[in-house]
Protein backbone atom coordinates (compact mmCIF):
# COMPACT_ATOMS: atom_id res chain seq x y z
CA MET A 1 -14.84 22.68 1.26
CA TRP A 2 -14.70 20.83 -1.52
CA THR A 3 -15.26 23.57 -3.55
CA GLY A 4 -11.94 24.08 -5.60
CA TRP A 5 -10.30 21.21 -4.73
CA PRO A 6 -8.19 20.23 -7.85
CA LEU A 7 -8.49 16.45 -9.29
CA ALA A 8 -4.51 15.73 -7.89
CA ARG A 9 -5.63 16.83 -4.44
CA ILE A 10 -8.72 14.41 -4.48
CA LEU A 11 -6.89 11.74 -5.80
CA MET A 12 -4.28 12.18 -2.54
CA LEU A 13 -6.94 12.44 0.05
CA PHE A 14 -8.35 8.71 -1.88
CA ALA A 15 -4.24 6.80 -2.12
CA GLY A 16 -4.03 8.33 1.54
CA LEU A 17 -7.50 7.17 2.95
CA GLY A 18 -6.64 3.66 0.74
CA LEU A 19 -3.24 2.89 2.56
CA LEU A 20 -4.95 3.60 5.98
CA ILE A 21 -7.55 0.93 5.11
CA ILE A 22 -5.12 -1.77 3.88
CA PHE A 23 -3.12 -1.18 6.82
CA ILE A 24 -6.38 -1.96 8.48
CA GLN A 25 -6.42 -5.53 6.93
CA VAL A 26 -2.91 -6.08 6.47
CA THR A 27 -2.05 -5.90 10.42
CA LEU A 28 -4.68 -8.41 11.21
CA LEU A 29 -3.47 -10.96 8.35
CA HIS A 30 0.18 -10.63 9.61
CA TYR A 31 -0.83 -10.60 13.27
CA ARG A 32 -2.91 -13.89 12.42
CA GLN A 33 0.30 -15.32 11.09
CA ASN A 34 2.67 -14.37 14.53
CA PHE A 35 4.97 -12.15 12.20
CA ARG A 36 6.74 -15.18 11.33
CA HIS A 37 8.32 -13.23 8.62
CA TRP A 38 10.37 -9.99 8.61
CA ALA A 39 9.43 -8.43 5.79
CA MET A 40 5.60 -8.54 7.36
CA TRP A 41 6.45 -5.86 9.52
CA GLY A 42 7.21 -3.41 5.85
CA PRO A 43 3.70 -3.06 5.03
CA VAL A 44 2.28 -2.75 8.96
CA ILE A 45 4.91 0.11 9.58
CA GLY A 46 5.10 1.82 5.95
CA ALA A 47 1.31 1.98 4.90
CA PRO A 48 0.35 3.70 7.84
CA LEU A 49 3.09 6.35 7.74
CA ILE A 50 2.24 6.49 4.42
CA GLY A 51 -1.52 7.18 4.19
CA VAL A 52 -0.88 9.45 7.24
CA LEU A 53 1.60 12.12 4.97
CA ALA A 54 -0.59 11.15 2.15
CA LEU A 55 -3.66 13.01 3.82
CA ALA A 56 -1.29 15.63 5.25
CA LEU A 57 0.43 16.40 1.65
CA ALA A 58 -3.56 16.52 0.52
CA LEU A 59 -4.17 18.91 3.22
CA PHE A 60 -1.10 20.87 3.13
CA ASN A 61 0.73 21.44 0.07
CA LEU A 62 4.44 21.64 0.97
CA PRO A 63 7.11 21.16 -1.13
CA TRP A 64 9.39 18.70 1.52
CA LEU A 65 5.99 16.98 2.69
CA GLN A 66 6.19 16.79 -1.49
CA THR A 67 9.13 14.72 -1.87
CA GLY A 68 8.59 12.64 1.23
CA VAL A 69 5.84 11.91 0.24
CA ALA A 70 7.26 10.31 -3.16
CA VAL A 71 9.90 8.76 -2.28
CA LEU A 72 7.61 6.74 0.32
CA PHE A 73 5.54 6.25 -2.66
CA VAL A 74 8.54 4.46 -4.75
CA ILE A 75 9.02 1.91 -1.42
CA GLY A 76 5.48 1.50 -1.47
CA ILE A 77 4.95 0.27 -5.04
CA ILE A 78 8.62 -1.42 -4.27
CA THR A 79 7.13 -3.08 -1.31
CA GLY A 80 3.33 -4.31 -2.67
CA VAL A 81 5.76 -5.99 -5.64
CA GLY A 82 8.02 -7.23 -3.26
CA GLY A 83 5.08 -8.75 -0.93
CA PHE A 84 3.17 -10.30 -4.15
CA VAL A 85 6.37 -12.06 -4.96
CA LEU A 86 6.40 -13.31 -0.85
CA HIS A 87 2.71 -13.91 -1.19
CA VAL A 88 2.51 -16.61 -4.44
CA GLU A 89 6.46 -18.09 -3.09
CA GLY A 90 3.75 -18.64 0.36
CA VAL A 91 1.00 -19.67 -1.78
CA GLY A 92 3.30 -22.37 -3.11
CA GLN A 93 5.18 -23.31 -0.32
CA ARG A 94 1.22 -25.16 1.12
CA VAL A 95 0.34 -28.49 0.72
CA ASP A 96 0.19 -29.37 -2.47
CA GLY A 97 1.45 -25.99 -4.16
CA TYR A 98 -0.26 -23.87 -6.56
CA ARG A 99 -3.62 -25.58 -6.42
CA MET A 100 -7.23 -23.46 -6.23
CA HIS A 101 -7.15 -24.46 -3.11
CA ASN A 102 -4.49 -22.40 -1.72
CA PHE A 103 -4.68 -19.64 -3.29
CA MET A 104 -7.92 -19.52 -0.85
CA VAL A 105 -7.19 -20.22 2.09
CA GLY A 106 -3.62 -18.87 1.82
CA PRO A 107 -1.32 -15.91 1.56
CA PRO A 108 -3.66 -12.78 -0.34
CA VAL A 109 -1.81 -12.65 -3.51
CA THR A 110 -3.72 -9.41 -4.64
CA LEU A 111 -3.99 -7.50 -1.13
CA PRO A 112 0.46 -6.13 -1.63
CA LEU A 113 -0.37 -4.83 -5.26
CA MET A 114 -2.58 -2.72 -3.94
CA VAL A 115 -0.09 -1.27 -1.91
CA ALA A 116 1.90 -0.59 -5.06
CA ALA A 117 -1.66 0.15 -6.64
CA MET A 118 -2.33 2.82 -3.84
CA SER A 119 1.30 4.36 -4.42
CA VAL A 120 0.92 4.73 -7.87
CA LEU A 121 -2.07 6.56 -7.75
CA GLY A 122 -0.21 8.91 -5.16
CA LEU A 123 2.43 9.12 -7.50
CA PHE A 124 0.51 9.56 -10.31
CA ALA A 125 -1.91 12.64 -8.28
CA LEU A 126 1.65 14.41 -7.53
CA TYR A 127 2.79 14.43 -11.23
CA TRP A 128 0.60 13.96 -14.37
CA ARG A 129 -0.03 17.49 -15.42
CA TRP A 130 -3.75 17.63 -16.77
């Protein structure tokens, strides 16, 4: 089955699976915080949507799906960078501010960047020409 798959298709598959795995972690962490901020719903709704559509694109290379997934990947990048900013602010709001302990127990500052990174990987898979 894998014989003949181009690298771009494999990267798209990886980006889709990565976003679905990240969705599980994001949902658990935001649920633990009772979705206190409206922006917590962004990756909980967006990551599985982008992930499933990226998997669909890896299996069925349709032009309308390429366009839709490209738009969603850009939204994923914006959401990831915005989440990073919100997570850094969240660490600073904890008692004693930006201390190492608060980075360890507070919101994970790198997790939103993983959403952005998987989205960038998906865009590379769509537009990179070897």
